[in-house]
Amino acid sequence: MTSPSEQRGSAGRPLRAPGASRRWPSVLLALTIGAAALIADLASKAWAERTLALGETRPLVGDLLQLRLIYNSGAAFSLGSSVTPIITVVQILICVAVLGWVLVKLADWRWAIALGLLAGGALGNIHDRLLRAPKPLYGEVVDFLELPHWPIFNIADTAVVTAAVLIVLLTLFGVTSDGSVLEKDADGSSGAATGEDSAPSGCTADGEEVR
């Protein structure tokens, strides 16, 4: 008989519920990726301000990717410049929620990558909103990467978009933040796949009737 924290898969191998041994490496991975994304974003913005003239266009990868320094007071496509403080507060709340989830619930390396990128990217732009001119909560974000027919962006934006794509994929494939996978039942409902052999009530896994 297995304990509540141990279940058996279809091949007879025990499956253990996520615990501290799995959770803390995932938390450390998320925090490391978040810190790396934040450092890369701040360093690249400092480089862009030292190297590029405001509004100047400079090819980086031909016409596909160019460098062009601007200061963005709004959100994507420079929209929402009149509600910059609201954008800043929303970004802070998202970042706090993500970090709280990481510390309490995270036990999967794939979600660690996604949430680390999301937190690091959000913090990069929050830094600009809080510490750059003209004043706290109204700060202008440094953008300097330009694709054809796309708004100018930065490393933080790239991290956030990558995180969003990963989160959508993980959700579509039913991967939860504790590392379990949701499987569709016959009626279309979802349930966590535990790996236990299912058997009718009153029967053992091999089909023998229990008297």
C-alpha atoms as a PDB file:
ATOM      1  CA  MET A   1       0.000   0.000   0.000  1.00  0.00           C
ATOM      2  CA  THR A   2       1.437   3.352  -0.973  1.00  0.00           C
ATOM      3  CA  SER A   3       1.531   6.391   1.273  1.00  0.00           C
ATOM      4  CA  PRO A   4      -0.488   9.530   0.369  1.00  0.00           C
ATOM      5  CA  SER A   5       2.680  11.163  -1.000  1.00  0.00           C
ATOM      6  CA  GLU A   6       3.522   8.164  -3.196  1.00  0.00           C
ATOM      7  CA  GLN A   7       1.546   6.755  -6.107  1.00  0.00           C
ATOM      8  CA  ARG A   8       2.348   4.104  -8.682  1.00  0.00           C
ATOM      9  CA  GLY A   9       2.499   4.758 -12.402  1.00  0.00           C
ATOM     10  CA  SER A  10       1.319   2.395 -15.103  1.00  0.00           C
ATOM     11  CA  ALA A  11       4.787   0.793 -15.225  1.00  0.00           C
ATOM     12  CA  GLY A  12       4.745   0.155 -11.478  1.00  0.00           C
ATOM     13  CA  ARG A  13       7.236   2.893 -10.638  1.00  0.00           C
ATOM     14  CA  PRO A  14       6.385   5.080  -7.623  1.00  0.00           C
ATOM     15  CA  LEU A  15       5.434   8.682  -8.322  1.00  0.00           C
ATOM     16  CA  ARG A  16       6.032  11.120  -5.480  1.00  0.00           C
ATOM     17  CA  ALA A  17       4.096  14.317  -4.968  1.00  0.00           C
ATOM     18  CA  PRO A  18       6.144  17.495  -5.480  1.00  0.00           C
ATOM     19  CA  GLY A  19       7.948  18.510  -2.323  1.00  0.00           C
ATOM     20  CA  ALA A  20      10.751  20.766  -1.180  1.00  0.00           C
ATOM     21  CA  SER A  21      13.304  18.670  -3.084  1.00  0.00           C
ATOM     22  CA  ARG A  22      11.621  19.684  -6.357  1.00  0.00           C
ATOM     23  CA  ARG A  23      10.197  23.040  -5.393  1.00  0.00           C
ATOM     24  CA  TRP A  24      13.315  24.903  -4.261  1.00  0.00           C
ATOM     25  CA  PRO A  25      15.429  24.100  -7.346  1.00  0.00           C
ATOM     26  CA  SER A  26      12.544  25.437  -9.468  1.00  0.00           C
ATOM     27  CA  VAL A  27      12.299  28.564  -7.304  1.00  0.00           C
ATOM     28  CA  LEU A  28      16.061  29.105  -7.579  1.00  0.00           C
ATOM     29  CA  LEU A  29      15.896  28.643 -11.373  1.00  0.00           C
ATOM     30  CA  ALA A  30      13.058  31.165 -11.673  1.00  0.00           C
ATOM     31  CA  LEU A  31      14.862  33.747  -9.536  1.00  0.00           C
ATOM     32  CA  THR A  32      18.112  33.243 -11.466  1.00  0.00           C
ATOM     33  CA  ILE A  33      16.405  33.669 -14.847  1.00  0.00           C
ATOM     34  CA  GLY A  34      14.510  36.688 -13.552  1.00  0.00           C
ATOM     35  CA  ALA A  35      17.706  38.322 -12.314  1.00  0.00           C
ATOM     36  CA  ALA A  36      19.488  37.560 -15.601  1.00  0.00           C
ATOM     37  CA  ALA A  37      16.632  39.075 -17.642  1.00  0.00           C
ATOM     38  CA  LEU A  38      16.604  42.186 -15.452  1.00  0.00           C
ATOM     39  CA  ILE A  39      20.378  42.676 -15.649  1.00  0.00           C
ATOM     40  CA  ALA A  40      20.389  42.136 -19.433  1.00  0.00           C
ATOM     41  CA  ASP A  41      17.591  44.666 -19.842  1.00  0.00           C
ATOM     42  CA  LEU A  42      19.190  47.381 -17.705  1.00  0.00           C
ATOM     43  CA  ALA A  43      22.633  46.856 -19.238  1.00  0.00           C
ATOM     44  CA  SER A  44      21.281  46.983 -22.800  1.00  0.00           C
ATOM     45  CA  LYS A  45      19.324  50.179 -22.078  1.00  0.00           C
ATOM     46  CA  ALA A  46      22.432  51.834 -20.626  1.00  0.00           C
ATOM     47  CA  TRP A  47      24.390  50.780 -23.727  1.00  0.00           C
ATOM     48  CA  ALA A  48      21.701  52.116 -26.064  1.00  0.00           C
ATOM     49  CA  GLU A  49      21.674  55.511 -24.345  1.00  0.00           C
ATOM     50  CA  ARG A  50      25.473  55.755 -24.530  1.00  0.00           C
ATOM     51  CA  THR A  51      25.718  54.604 -28.140  1.00  0.00           C
ATOM     52  CA  LEU A  52      22.629  55.745 -30.032  1.00  0.00           C
ATOM     53  CA  ALA A  53      21.371  59.219 -30.827  1.00  0.00           C
ATOM     54  CA  LEU A  54      17.687  59.801 -30.118  1.00  0.00           C
ATOM     55  CA  GLY A  55      15.602  58.740 -33.128  1.00  0.00           C
ATOM     56  CA  GLU A  56      18.626  57.607 -35.141  1.00  0.00           C
ATOM     57  CA  THR A  57      18.178  54.388 -37.117  1.00  0.00           C
ATOM     58  CA  ARG A  58      21.096  51.978 -37.314  1.00  0.00           C
ATOM     59  CA  PRO A  59      20.968  48.518 -38.982  1.00  0.00           C
ATOM     60  CA  LEU A  60      21.706  45.562 -36.710  1.00  0.00           C
ATOM     61  CA  VAL A  61      20.557  42.607 -38.821  1.00  0.00           C
ATOM     62  CA  GLY A  62      20.058  44.253 -42.195  1.00  0.00           C
ATOM     63  CA  ASP A  63      16.539  45.643 -42.558  1.00  0.00           C
ATOM     64  CA  LEU A  64      15.096  42.883 -40.365  1.00  0.00           C
ATOM     65  CA  LEU A  65      16.246  44.253 -37.016  1.00  0.00           C
ATOM     66  CA  GLN A  66      17.388  47.832 -36.523  1.00  0.00           C
ATOM     67  CA  LEU A  67      18.448  50.004 -33.604  1.00  0.00           C
ATOM     68  CA  ARG A  68      16.442  53.148 -32.914  1.00  0.00           C
ATOM     69  CA  LEU A  69      16.422  54.869 -29.533  1.00  0.00           C
ATOM     70  CA  ILE A  70      13.147  56.316 -28.239  1.00  0.00           C
ATOM     71  CA  TYR A  71      11.586  57.030 -24.836  1.00  0.00           C
ATOM     72  CA  ASN A  72       8.136  55.514 -24.399  1.00  0.00           C
ATOM     73  CA  SER A  73       5.731  57.016 -21.869  1.00  0.00           C
ATOM     74  CA  GLY A  74       2.919  54.605 -22.726  1.00  0.00           C
ATOM     75  CA  ALA A  75       2.461  50.878 -23.195  1.00  0.00           C
ATOM     76  CA  ALA A  76       2.799  48.867 -26.425  1.00  0.00           C
ATOM     77  CA  PHE A  77       2.639  50.975 -29.612  1.00  0.00           C
ATOM     78  CA  SER A  78       3.134  53.999 -27.302  1.00  0.00           C
ATOM     79  CA  LEU A  79      -0.549  53.805 -26.351  1.00  0.00           C
ATOM     80  CA  GLY A  80      -1.806  54.801 -22.921  1.00  0.00           C
ATOM     81  CA  SER A  81       0.633  57.648 -22.254  1.00  0.00           C
ATOM     82  CA  SER A  82      -2.136  59.498 -20.393  1.00  0.00           C
ATOM     83  CA  VAL A  83      -2.505  56.650 -17.877  1.00  0.00           C
ATOM     84  CA  THR A  84       1.162  55.870 -17.249  1.00  0.00           C
ATOM     85  CA  PRO A  85       0.729  55.627 -13.426  1.00  0.00           C
ATOM     86  CA  ILE A  86      -2.018  53.021 -13.883  1.00  0.00           C
ATOM     87  CA  ILE A  87       0.209  51.018 -16.239  1.00  0.00           C
ATOM     88  CA  THR A  88       3.008  51.182 -13.678  1.00  0.00           C
ATOM     89  CA  VAL A  89       0.792  50.023 -10.795  1.00  0.00           C
ATOM     90  CA  VAL A  90      -0.600  47.143 -12.874  1.00  0.00           C
ATOM     91  CA  GLN A  91       2.941  46.040 -13.760  1.00  0.00           C
ATOM     92  CA  ILE A  92       3.943  46.130 -10.088  1.00  0.00           C
ATOM     93  CA  LEU A  93       0.893  44.072  -9.060  1.00  0.00           C
ATOM     94  CA  ILE A  94       1.609  41.495 -11.761  1.00  0.00           C
ATOM     95  CA  CYS A  95       5.229  41.242 -10.654  1.00  0.00           C
ATOM     96  CA  VAL A  96       4.255  40.811  -6.975  1.00  0.00           C
ATOM     97  CA  ALA A  97       1.700  38.131  -7.903  1.00  0.00           C
ATOM     98  CA  VAL A  98       4.242  36.240 -10.021  1.00  0.00           C
ATOM     99  CA  LEU A  99       6.918  36.338  -7.320  1.00  0.00           C
ATOM    100  CA  GLY A 100       4.387  35.175  -4.719  1.00  0.00           C
ATOM    101  CA  TRP A 101       3.343  32.281  -6.939  1.00  0.00           C
ATOM    102  CA  VAL A 102       6.977  31.342  -7.529  1.00  0.00           C
ATOM    103  CA  LEU A 103       7.765  31.212  -3.813  1.00  0.00           C
ATOM    104  CA  VAL A 104       4.623  29.307  -2.785  1.00  0.00           C
ATOM    105  CA  LYS A 105       3.474  27.058  -5.642  1.00  0.00           C
ATOM    106  CA  LEU A 106       6.270  26.536  -8.156  1.00  0.00           C
ATOM    107  CA  ALA A 107       7.701  23.025  -8.584  1.00  0.00           C
ATOM    108  CA  ASP A 108       8.326  22.687 -12.331  1.00  0.00           C
ATOM    109  CA  TRP A 109      11.368  23.836 -14.311  1.00  0.00           C
ATOM    110  CA  ARG A 110       9.333  24.789 -17.397  1.00  0.00           C
ATOM    111  CA  TRP A 111       7.121  27.123 -15.417  1.00  0.00           C
ATOM    112  CA  ALA A 112      10.260  28.384 -13.658  1.00  0.00           C
ATOM    113  CA  ILE A 113      11.649  29.573 -16.993  1.00  0.00           C
ATOM    114  CA  ALA A 114       8.373  31.223 -18.002  1.00  0.00           C
ATOM    115  CA  LEU A 115       7.720  32.953 -14.674  1.00  0.00           C
ATOM    116  CA  GLY A 116      11.359  34.006 -14.308  1.00  0.00           C
ATOM    117  CA  LEU A 117      11.261  35.711 -17.710  1.00  0.00           C
ATOM    118  CA  LEU A 118       7.935  37.346 -16.870  1.00  0.00           C
ATOM    119  CA  ALA A 119       9.141  38.722 -13.533  1.00  0.00           C
ATOM    120  CA  GLY A 120      12.521  39.876 -14.871  1.00  0.00           C
ATOM    121  CA  GLY A 121      10.957  41.622 -17.858  1.00  0.00           C
ATOM    122  CA  ALA A 122       8.314  43.319 -15.747  1.00  0.00           C
ATOM    123  CA  LEU A 123      10.922  44.531 -13.266  1.00  0.00           C
ATOM    124  CA  GLY A 124      13.020  45.976 -16.093  1.00  0.00           C
ATOM    125  CA  ASN A 125      10.221  48.251 -17.247  1.00  0.00           C
ATOM    126  CA  ILE A 126       9.083  48.975 -13.678  1.00  0.00           C
ATOM    127  CA  HIS A 127      12.611  50.264 -13.007  1.00  0.00           C
ATOM    128  CA  ASP A 128      12.187  52.805 -15.809  1.00  0.00           C
ATOM    129  CA  ARG A 129       8.683  53.806 -14.707  1.00  0.00           C
ATOM    130  CA  LEU A 130       9.803  54.485 -11.156  1.00  0.00           C
ATOM    131  CA  LEU A 131      13.297  55.921 -11.571  1.00  0.00           C
ATOM    132  CA  ARG A 132      13.423  57.731 -14.909  1.00  0.00           C
ATOM    133  CA  ALA A 133      12.277  61.224 -15.893  1.00  0.00           C
ATOM    134  CA  PRO A 134       9.958  62.986 -15.648  1.00  0.00           C
ATOM    135  CA  LYS A 135       9.011  61.590 -12.184  1.00  0.00           C
ATOM    136  CA  PRO A 136       8.181  58.364 -10.309  1.00  0.00           C
ATOM    137  CA  LEU A 137       5.278  56.371 -11.808  1.00  0.00           C
ATOM    138  CA  TYR A 138       5.510  58.547 -14.940  1.00  0.00           C
ATOM    139  CA  GLY A 139       9.000  57.453 -16.038  1.00  0.00           C
ATOM    140  CA  GLU A 140       9.649  56.862 -19.741  1.00  0.00           C
ATOM    141  CA  VAL A 141      10.813  53.407 -20.797  1.00  0.00           C
ATOM    142  CA  VAL A 142      13.922  53.093 -22.974  1.00  0.00           C
ATOM    143  CA  ASP A 143      13.134  51.253 -26.235  1.00  0.00           C
ATOM    144  CA  PHE A 144      15.698  50.677 -28.960  1.00  0.00           C
ATOM    145  CA  LEU A 145      14.965  47.497 -30.974  1.00  0.00           C
ATOM    146  CA  GLU A 146      12.853  47.810 -34.126  1.00  0.00           C
ATOM    147  CA  LEU A 147      11.314  45.188 -36.430  1.00  0.00           C
ATOM    148  CA  PRO A 148       9.407  45.992 -39.635  1.00  0.00           C
ATOM    149  CA  HIS A 149       5.768  46.900 -38.942  1.00  0.00           C
ATOM    150  CA  TRP A 150       6.233  46.405 -35.202  1.00  0.00           C
ATOM    151  CA  PRO A 151       6.543  48.836 -32.273  1.00  0.00           C
ATOM    152  CA  ILE A 152      10.027  49.596 -30.978  1.00  0.00           C
ATOM    153  CA  PHE A 153      10.792  47.418 -27.939  1.00  0.00           C
ATOM    154  CA  ASN A 154      13.518  46.365 -25.511  1.00  0.00           C
ATOM    155  CA  ILE A 155      14.918  43.258 -23.818  1.00  0.00           C
ATOM    156  CA  ALA A 156      12.298  43.440 -21.043  1.00  0.00           C
ATOM    157  CA  ASP A 157       9.499  43.368 -23.625  1.00  0.00           C
ATOM    158  CA  THR A 158      11.147  40.390 -25.318  1.00  0.00           C
ATOM    159  CA  ALA A 159      11.302  38.506 -22.008  1.00  0.00           C
ATOM    160  CA  VAL A 160       7.634  39.235 -21.246  1.00  0.00           C
ATOM    161  CA  VAL A 161       6.429  38.161 -24.706  1.00  0.00           C
ATOM    162  CA  THR A 162       8.533  34.979 -24.581  1.00  0.00           C
ATOM    163  CA  ALA A 163       7.103  34.214 -21.135  1.00  0.00           C
ATOM    164  CA  ALA A 164       3.557  34.735 -22.415  1.00  0.00           C
ATOM    165  CA  VAL A 165       4.130  32.300 -25.301  1.00  0.00           C
ATOM    166  CA  LEU A 166       5.582  29.691 -22.917  1.00  0.00           C
ATOM    167  CA  ILE A 167       2.673  30.092 -20.494  1.00  0.00           C
ATOM    168  CA  VAL A 168       0.144  29.604 -23.301  1.00  0.00           C
ATOM    169  CA  LEU A 169       1.962  26.476 -24.533  1.00  0.00           C
ATOM    170  CA  LEU A 170       2.260  24.993 -21.038  1.00  0.00           C
ATOM    171  CA  THR A 171      -1.425  25.655 -20.432  1.00  0.00           C
ATOM    172  CA  LEU A 172      -2.449  24.105 -23.759  1.00  0.00           C
ATOM    173  CA  PHE A 173      -0.412  20.988 -22.990  1.00  0.00           C
ATOM    174  CA  GLY A 174      -1.904  20.817 -19.490  1.00  0.00           C
ATOM    175  CA  VAL A 175       1.369  21.242 -17.608  1.00  0.00           C
ATOM    176  CA  THR A 176       0.731  22.709 -14.155  1.00  0.00           C
ATOM    177  CA  SER A 177       3.167  24.684 -12.040  1.00  0.00           C
ATOM    178  CA  ASP A 178       3.722  21.682  -9.745  1.00  0.00           C
ATOM    179  CA  GLY A 179       4.886  19.547 -12.674  1.00  0.00           C
ATOM    180  CA  SER A 180       1.772  17.383 -13.045  1.00  0.00           C
ATOM    181  CA  VAL A 181      -0.054  17.060 -16.350  1.00  0.00           C
ATOM    182  CA  LEU A 182      -3.801  17.429 -16.801  1.00  0.00           C
ATOM    183  CA  GLU A 183      -5.441  14.748 -18.922  1.00  0.00           C
ATOM    184  CA  LYS A 184      -8.814  14.981 -20.635  1.00  0.00           C
ATOM    185  CA  ASP A 185     -11.405  12.519 -19.366  1.00  0.00           C
ATOM    186  CA  ALA A 186     -13.866  10.841 -21.703  1.00  0.00           C
ATOM    187  CA  ASP A 187     -16.489  13.469 -20.896  1.00  0.00           C
ATOM    188  CA  GLY A 188     -14.075  16.264 -21.795  1.00  0.00           C
ATOM    189  CA  SER A 189     -13.311  17.327 -18.245  1.00  0.00           C
ATOM    190  CA  SER A 190      -9.736  17.695 -17.067  1.00  0.00           C
ATOM    191  CA  GLY A 191      -8.051  16.030 -14.153  1.00  0.00           C
ATOM    192  CA  ALA A 192      -4.507  15.737 -12.871  1.00  0.00           C
ATOM    193  CA  ALA A 193      -2.756  12.626 -14.138  1.00  0.00           C
ATOM    194  CA  THR A 194      -1.467  10.850 -11.071  1.00  0.00           C
ATOM    195  CA  GLY A 195      -0.216   7.716 -12.783  1.00  0.00           C
ATOM    196  CA  GLU A 196      -2.440   5.437 -10.642  1.00  0.00           C
ATOM    197  CA  ASP A 197      -3.926   2.375 -12.322  1.00  0.00           C
ATOM    198  CA  SER A 198      -7.650   2.863 -12.356  1.00  0.00           C
ATOM    199  CA  ALA A 199      -9.958  -0.061 -11.578  1.00  0.00           C
ATOM    200  CA  PRO A 200     -13.707  -0.402 -11.079  1.00  0.00           C
ATOM    201  CA  SER A 201     -15.016  -0.228  -7.548  1.00  0.00           C
ATOM    202  CA  GLY A 202     -14.796  -3.607  -5.897  1.00  0.00           C
ATOM    203  CA  CYS A 203     -12.029  -4.806  -8.212  1.00  0.00           C
ATOM    204  CA  THR A 204      -8.249  -4.847  -8.073  1.00  0.00           C
ATOM    205  CA  ALA A 205      -6.097  -3.271 -10.826  1.00  0.00           C
ATOM    206  CA  ASP A 206      -5.799  -6.661 -12.589  1.00  0.00           C
ATOM    207  CA  GLY A 207      -9.569  -7.067 -12.723  1.00  0.00           C
ATOM    208  CA  GLU A 208     -10.048  -9.602  -9.938  1.00  0.00           C
ATOM    209  CA  GLU A 209     -13.211  -9.097  -7.963  1.00  0.00           C
ATOM    210  CA  VAL A 210     -12.702  -8.264  -4.313  1.00  0.00           C
ATOM    211  CA  ARG A 211     -14.938 -10.287  -2.025  1.00  0.00           C
END
